[in-house]
Protein backbone atom coordinates (compact mmCIF):
# COMPACT_ATOMS: atom_id res chain seq x y z
CA MET A 1 90.27 100.46 86.30
CA THR A 2 87.75 102.54 84.11
CA TYR A 3 88.50 105.66 81.53
CA ASP A 4 85.80 108.07 80.57
CA LEU A 5 87.00 109.99 77.59
CA PRO A 6 84.77 112.55 76.19
CA ASP A 7 85.87 114.02 72.58
CA GLN A 8 86.31 117.66 72.87
CA SER A 9 86.20 118.50 69.11
CA THR A 10 82.51 119.52 67.80
CA SER A 11 82.12 115.70 66.92
CA GLY A 12 80.64 114.93 70.20
CA LYS A 13 81.94 111.38 70.55
CA PHE A 14 82.85 109.46 73.90
CA TRP A 15 84.84 106.33 74.65
CA ILE A 16 84.68 104.38 77.90
CA GLY A 17 87.11 101.46 78.56
CA GLU A 18 86.81 99.36 81.85
CA ALA A 19 89.39 96.60 82.41
CA ARG A 20 87.98 93.54 84.16
CA PRO A 21 89.66 90.13 85.17
CA GLU A 22 88.15 88.56 82.39
CA GLY A 23 88.93 91.17 79.99
CA LEU A 24 88.28 94.64 78.39
CA MET A 25 84.86 96.09 78.08
CA LEU A 26 84.78 99.08 75.53
CA HIS A 27 81.98 101.56 75.03
CA TRP A 28 81.86 104.31 72.26
CA GLY A 29 79.61 106.47 70.24
CA LYS A 30 78.21 109.57 69.85
CA GLN A 31 76.78 111.80 72.67
CA GLY A 32 73.37 111.30 73.29
CA THR A 33 73.11 107.69 71.85
CA SER A 34 73.41 104.06 73.41
CA GLY A 35 76.70 103.80 71.06
CA GLN A 36 78.12 100.42 70.72
CA GLN A 37 80.22 97.89 72.93
CA ARG A 38 82.85 95.07 72.66
CA PHE A 39 84.43 92.86 74.91
CA ILE A 40 87.81 91.63 74.49
CA PRO A 41 88.76 88.44 76.29
CA ALA A 42 91.93 88.60 78.69
CA ASP A 43 93.54 86.16 76.52
CA LYS A 44 93.20 88.43 73.26
CA CYS A 45 94.64 91.82 75.17
CA GLU A 46 98.17 92.90 75.02
CA SER A 47 100.39 90.33 77.05
CA ASN A 48 96.87 88.77 78.18
CA ASN A 49 96.34 91.74 80.62
CA ALA A 50 93.39 93.94 80.13
CA VAL A 51 94.86 96.76 82.12
CA LEU A 52 97.77 96.83 79.75
CA GLU A 53 95.45 96.92 76.51
CA LEU A 54 93.22 99.51 78.22
CA GLU A 55 96.09 101.72 78.75
CA ALA A 56 97.55 101.66 75.35
CA ARG A 57 93.84 102.05 73.78
CA ALA A 58 93.21 105.12 76.30
CA ALA A 59 96.60 106.76 75.30
CA LYS A 60 95.77 106.56 71.73
CA LYS A 61 92.42 108.20 72.31
CA LEU A 62 94.28 110.88 74.21
CA ARG A 63 96.31 111.49 71.32
CA ASP A 64 93.39 111.88 69.07
CA GLY A 65 91.95 114.56 71.15
CA TYR A 66 89.99 112.89 73.93
CA VAL A 67 90.39 114.10 77.25
CA LEU A 68 90.12 112.36 80.82
CA ASN A 69 86.74 112.70 82.57
CA THR A 70 88.35 112.71 86.09
CA THR A 71 85.04 112.82 87.83
CA LYS A 72 84.07 109.51 86.26
CA SER A 73 87.31 107.61 85.52
CA SER A 74 89.05 105.62 88.34
CA LEU A 75 92.66 104.70 87.72
């Protein structure tokens, strides 16, 4: 499961989250930069489940003004 969420404000940010069996990979930053990455092991995710953790984090980003990039997201 992958969420690609570009920020629709003038800040030009992006946020990408990918749930994997071993945990959650996050990648974020400003458009045009390499950004930052962080891996969260599955045992540190909500209910030890990377998919649940990703859904919760993506929902917050959507509330904060990011939009789902349907051409790059797989649900």
